[in-house]
Amino acid sequence: MSKKEELRAQRVNTIINGVSKYQEKDVNIALEAVKSYIKEEFNVILKHDKTIRLMDIISKLKLLYNDVHFTETFESSNMRPDGGILYLASLSDSYFPVLITEVKNQGTNDLRLKEGKSIQAMGNAIERLGKNVIGFRTFLLNEGIFPFVCFGYGYDFNPSSSINDRVKTIVMFGELNEVNVVNFGKTGQFNRGSFFFRQSKWEIQEMVEIMIDIVEKSIYYYFAKYGKDFFIKNN
């Protein structure tokens, strides 16, 4: 580990320990550590929303693709990822997604078998995940990145489970357990995202390191596309 990585780990651990006293969910603790680190490291303004309304996505799509018809939705319909949506704020008060976080726990068949109970059907959490992935991919069609991450754990994701292939389908048949932010393909048609799945639960520190990597890559993408001065005031 480099000196810079050691210092970052120390800073992040300090933040985690402080936030843990006030937060209950691991993903919330991880997000607070990520936000604190990124603000200090990049001197940028971040915005964190828990939900996004479908009608707001549609309004954006209508502006970008005025030759395409989009159906209307109920005003209250929204997507609520477990960790919300983290945005990078520009100096003109526009916002750019740098991290969308989901956490999925699925599978108790190992416990049911020990208790002598029958095996339950698998897949409910993954089907719900797929719906949100489609929505957020559409939301980011005009960008060359997909800063989406899902941390999945539970018995259904053990190495011999076919449920893992359902996840790979959502990832557009890409690899699991690796960070993918920038789109793949000649025209960027493969906006895969980052899907980390295994049987054992993800630790806070593990999530933080992965999330920081995604946010950093996203910020550098926006800096390159729109210019650093679009987001940071000159001192």
Protein backbone atom coordinates (compact mmCIF):
# COMPACT_ATOMS: atom_id res chain seq x y z
CA MET A 1 0.00 0.00 0.00
CA SER A 2 1.35 3.43 -0.99
CA LYS A 3 1.79 6.28 1.50
CA LYS A 4 -1.19 8.08 -0.05
CA GLU A 5 -3.38 4.98 0.30
CA GLU A 6 -2.32 4.56 3.93
CA LEU A 7 -3.21 8.17 4.73
CA ARG A 8 -6.56 7.81 3.00
CA ALA A 9 -7.33 4.62 4.92
CA GLN A 10 -6.50 6.39 8.20
CA ARG A 11 -8.71 9.36 7.36
CA VAL A 12 -11.60 7.16 6.24
CA ASN A 13 -11.39 4.99 9.35
CA THR A 14 -11.47 8.08 11.55
CA ILE A 15 -14.61 9.30 9.77
CA ILE A 16 -16.26 5.86 9.98
CA ASN A 17 -15.64 5.65 13.72
CA GLY A 18 -17.15 9.09 14.24
CA VAL A 19 -20.23 8.51 12.08
CA SER A 20 -20.91 5.05 13.49
CA LYS A 21 -22.09 6.58 16.76
CA TYR A 22 -25.00 8.27 15.02
CA GLN A 23 -25.91 6.04 12.05
CA GLU A 24 -27.50 2.62 12.01
CA LYS A 25 -27.20 1.33 8.44
CA ASP A 26 -23.75 0.36 7.21
CA VAL A 27 -24.39 1.97 3.82
CA ASN A 28 -25.17 5.31 5.52
CA ILE A 29 -21.95 5.14 7.52
CA ALA A 30 -20.03 4.35 4.34
CA LEU A 31 -21.64 7.23 2.46
CA GLU A 32 -20.82 9.77 5.15
CA ALA A 33 -17.19 8.67 5.04
CA VAL A 34 -17.16 8.94 1.25
CA LYS A 35 -18.71 12.42 1.24
CA SER A 36 -16.32 13.73 3.87
CA TYR A 37 -13.28 12.37 2.04
CA ILE A 38 -14.34 13.61 -1.41
CA LYS A 39 -15.18 17.14 -0.21
CA GLU A 40 -11.77 17.45 1.41
CA GLU A 41 -9.86 15.83 -1.44
CA PHE A 42 -11.49 17.67 -4.38
CA ASN A 43 -12.87 20.86 -2.80
CA VAL A 44 -16.24 20.29 -4.49
CA ILE A 45 -19.87 20.64 -3.44
CA LEU A 46 -21.90 17.45 -3.17
CA LYS A 47 -25.64 16.92 -2.95
CA HIS A 48 -27.19 13.74 -1.57
CA ASP A 49 -30.80 12.82 -2.41
CA LYS A 50 -32.59 9.72 -1.13
CA THR A 51 -35.04 9.54 -4.05
CA ILE A 52 -35.54 10.67 -7.62
CA ARG A 53 -38.97 11.18 -9.14
CA LEU A 54 -39.72 9.40 -12.41
CA MET A 55 -41.36 12.54 -13.78
CA ASP A 56 -38.08 14.46 -13.25
CA ILE A 57 -36.20 11.84 -15.26
CA ILE A 58 -38.80 12.06 -18.01
CA SER A 59 -38.56 15.87 -18.07
CA LYS A 60 -34.80 15.61 -18.59
CA LEU A 61 -35.22 12.99 -21.33
CA LYS A 62 -37.74 15.17 -23.18
CA LEU A 63 -35.21 18.01 -23.33
CA LEU A 64 -32.41 15.76 -24.52
CA TYR A 65 -34.40 13.62 -26.97
CA ASN A 66 -37.23 15.77 -28.32
CA ASP A 67 -37.86 13.38 -31.21
CA VAL A 68 -38.80 10.53 -28.83
CA HIS A 69 -42.13 10.05 -27.06
CA PHE A 70 -42.07 9.44 -23.30
CA THR A 71 -45.10 8.37 -21.28
CA GLU A 72 -46.25 10.23 -18.17
CA THR A 73 -46.09 8.81 -14.64
CA PHE A 74 -47.80 9.52 -11.32
CA GLU A 75 -46.20 12.50 -9.58
CA SER A 76 -45.43 10.37 -6.52
CA SER A 77 -43.69 7.56 -8.43
CA ASN A 78 -39.97 7.48 -7.67
CA MET A 79 -36.87 5.35 -7.33
CA ARG A 80 -35.33 5.06 -3.89
CA PRO A 81 -31.93 3.33 -3.99
CA ASP A 82 -30.75 2.12 -0.58
CA GLY A 83 -27.88 4.61 -0.45
CA GLY A 84 -29.57 7.33 -2.46
CA ILE A 85 -27.98 9.36 -5.25
CA LEU A 86 -24.85 11.45 -4.70
CA TYR A 87 -24.43 14.40 -7.07
CA LEU A 88 -21.55 16.69 -7.96
CA ALA A 89 -22.82 20.28 -7.94
CA SER A 90 -21.73 22.78 -10.56
CA LEU A 91 -21.32 26.50 -9.95
CA SER A 92 -24.48 27.07 -12.02
CA ASP A 93 -26.56 24.89 -9.67
CA SER A 94 -26.82 21.90 -11.99
CA TYR A 95 -26.18 18.44 -10.61
CA PHE A 96 -24.35 15.41 -11.98
CA PRO A 97 -24.65 11.89 -10.51
CA VAL A 98 -21.35 10.50 -9.20
CA LEU A 99 -22.67 7.59 -7.12
CA ILE A 100 -25.90 5.59 -6.97
CA THR A 101 -25.81 2.89 -4.30
CA GLU A 102 -27.92 -0.21 -3.72
CA VAL A 103 -27.51 -2.95 -1.09
CA LYS A 104 -29.28 -6.27 -1.56
CA ASN A 105 -29.46 -9.16 0.88
CA GLN A 106 -31.02 -12.34 -0.45
CA GLY A 107 -31.07 -15.93 0.67
CA THR A 108 -31.86 -17.82 3.86
CA ASN A 109 -32.06 -21.33 2.43
CA ASP A 110 -28.95 -22.40 4.33
CA LEU A 111 -30.69 -21.51 7.60
CA ARG A 112 -33.99 -23.08 6.48
CA LEU A 113 -32.28 -26.36 5.66
CA LYS A 114 -30.65 -26.44 9.10
CA GLU A 115 -34.09 -25.93 10.62
CA GLY A 116 -35.58 -28.72 8.50
CA LYS A 117 -37.68 -26.33 6.42
CA SER A 118 -38.25 -26.44 2.67
CA ILE A 119 -36.20 -24.32 0.26
CA GLN A 120 -37.74 -21.04 -0.87
CA ALA A 121 -37.69 -19.66 -4.39
CA MET A 122 -34.81 -17.32 -5.19
CA GLY A 123 -34.63 -14.05 -7.06
CA ASN A 124 -37.04 -11.44 -5.65
CA ALA A 125 -34.39 -8.90 -4.63
CA ILE A 126 -32.62 -9.25 -7.97
CA GLU A 127 -35.81 -8.66 -9.96
CA ARG A 128 -36.44 -5.43 -8.02
CA LEU A 129 -32.82 -4.40 -8.59
CA GLY A 130 -33.20 -4.85 -12.35
CA LYS A 131 -36.05 -2.32 -12.46
CA ASN A 132 -33.96 0.39 -10.82
CA VAL A 133 -30.95 -0.33 -13.01
CA ILE A 134 -33.06 0.20 -16.14
CA GLY A 135 -34.37 3.49 -14.73
CA PHE A 136 -30.96 4.86 -13.80
CA ARG A 137 -29.34 3.71 -17.05
CA THR A 138 -32.00 5.68 -18.92
CA PHE A 139 -31.43 8.67 -16.64
CA LEU A 140 -27.74 8.73 -17.63
CA LEU A 141 -28.07 8.02 -21.35
CA ASN A 142 -26.49 11.37 -22.24
CA GLU A 143 -23.32 10.68 -20.23
CA GLY A 144 -20.44 8.30 -20.85
CA ILE A 145 -20.47 6.86 -17.34
CA PHE A 146 -22.74 4.80 -15.13
CA PRO A 147 -21.71 5.38 -11.48
CA PHE A 148 -24.06 2.71 -10.12
CA VAL A 149 -22.93 0.21 -7.52
CA CYS A 150 -24.77 -2.64 -5.83
CA PHE A 151 -23.45 -4.60 -2.87
CA GLY A 152 -25.24 -7.94 -2.77
CA TYR A 153 -24.79 -10.64 -0.16
CA GLY A 154 -26.54 -13.71 1.19
CA TYR A 155 -26.74 -17.44 0.64
CA ASP A 156 -28.32 -17.02 -2.82
CA PHE A 157 -25.05 -15.53 -4.06
CA ASN A 158 -22.80 -18.43 -3.12
CA PRO A 159 -20.44 -19.44 -5.95
CA SER A 160 -22.59 -22.41 -7.05
CA SER A 161 -25.85 -20.41 -7.28
CA SER A 162 -27.46 -19.74 -10.67
CA ILE A 163 -28.77 -16.44 -9.26
CA ASN A 164 -25.34 -15.02 -10.02
CA ASP A 165 -26.16 -15.42 -13.72
CA ARG A 166 -29.24 -13.23 -13.26
CA VAL A 167 -26.97 -10.55 -11.85
CA LYS A 168 -24.58 -10.98 -14.80
CA THR A 169 -27.53 -10.40 -17.12
CA ILE A 170 -28.21 -7.07 -15.38
CA VAL A 171 -24.49 -6.25 -15.80
CA MET A 172 -24.89 -6.80 -19.56
CA PHE A 173 -22.86 -10.02 -19.19
CA GLY A 174 -19.87 -8.26 -17.67
CA GLU A 175 -17.80 -9.44 -14.73
CA LEU A 176 -18.97 -9.16 -11.15
CA ASN A 177 -16.88 -7.73 -8.31
CA GLU A 178 -15.05 -5.08 -10.29
CA VAL A 179 -15.48 -1.33 -10.64
CA ASN A 180 -16.94 -0.25 -14.00
CA VAL A 181 -17.68 3.45 -14.30
CA VAL A 182 -16.80 4.53 -17.86
CA ASN A 183 -18.98 2.95 -20.53
CA PHE A 184 -17.59 0.25 -22.83
CA GLY A 185 -17.92 -0.18 -26.61
CA LYS A 186 -17.20 2.06 -29.60
CA THR A 187 -20.26 4.18 -28.89
CA GLY A 188 -20.39 3.57 -25.13
CA GLN A 189 -23.38 1.27 -25.47
CA PHE A 190 -22.30 -0.96 -22.57
CA ASN A 191 -23.02 1.11 -19.45
CA ARG A 192 -22.53 -1.79 -17.08
CA GLY A 193 -21.98 -0.35 -13.62
CA SER A 194 -20.33 -2.04 -10.64
CA PHE A 195 -21.94 -5.10 -9.04
CA PHE A 196 -20.28 -6.67 -6.02
CA PHE A 197 -21.91 -9.93 -4.98
CA ARG A 198 -20.87 -12.69 -2.61
CA GLN A 199 -22.28 -14.82 0.21
CA SER A 200 -20.71 -12.95 3.13
CA LYS A 201 -21.77 -9.45 4.13
CA TRP A 202 -19.77 -6.49 2.85
CA GLU A 203 -17.84 -4.61 5.53
CA ILE A 204 -18.15 -0.83 5.76
CA GLN A 205 -14.49 -0.25 4.92
CA GLU A 206 -14.79 -2.43 1.82
CA MET A 207 -17.79 -0.47 0.59
CA VAL A 208 -16.09 2.86 1.27
CA GLU A 209 -13.02 1.99 -0.80
CA ILE A 210 -15.15 0.86 -3.75
CA MET A 211 -17.45 3.86 -3.53
CA ILE A 212 -14.56 6.33 -3.37
CA ASP A 213 -13.08 4.74 -6.48
CA ILE A 214 -16.39 5.19 -8.33
CA VAL A 215 -16.87 8.80 -7.19
CA GLU A 216 -13.30 9.76 -8.11
CA LYS A 217 -13.64 8.28 -11.60
CA SER A 218 -16.99 10.05 -12.03
CA ILE A 219 -15.59 13.42 -10.95
CA TYR A 220 -12.62 13.13 -13.31
CA TYR A 221 -15.04 12.29 -16.13
CA TYR A 222 -17.09 15.44 -15.49
CA PHE A 223 -13.95 17.55 -15.10
CA ALA A 224 -12.76 16.32 -18.50
CA LYS A 225 -16.14 16.81 -20.19
CA TYR A 226 -17.27 20.14 -18.72
CA GLY A 227 -14.07 21.64 -17.33
CA LYS A 228 -12.84 21.77 -13.76
CA ASP A 229 -13.77 25.45 -13.42
CA PHE A 230 -17.40 24.49 -13.99
CA PHE A 231 -17.36 22.88 -10.55
CA ILE A 232 -14.62 24.58 -8.52
CA LYS A 233 -14.15 28.29 -7.92
CA ASN A 234 -10.74 29.74 -8.69
CA ASN A 235 -8.96 30.75 -5.49
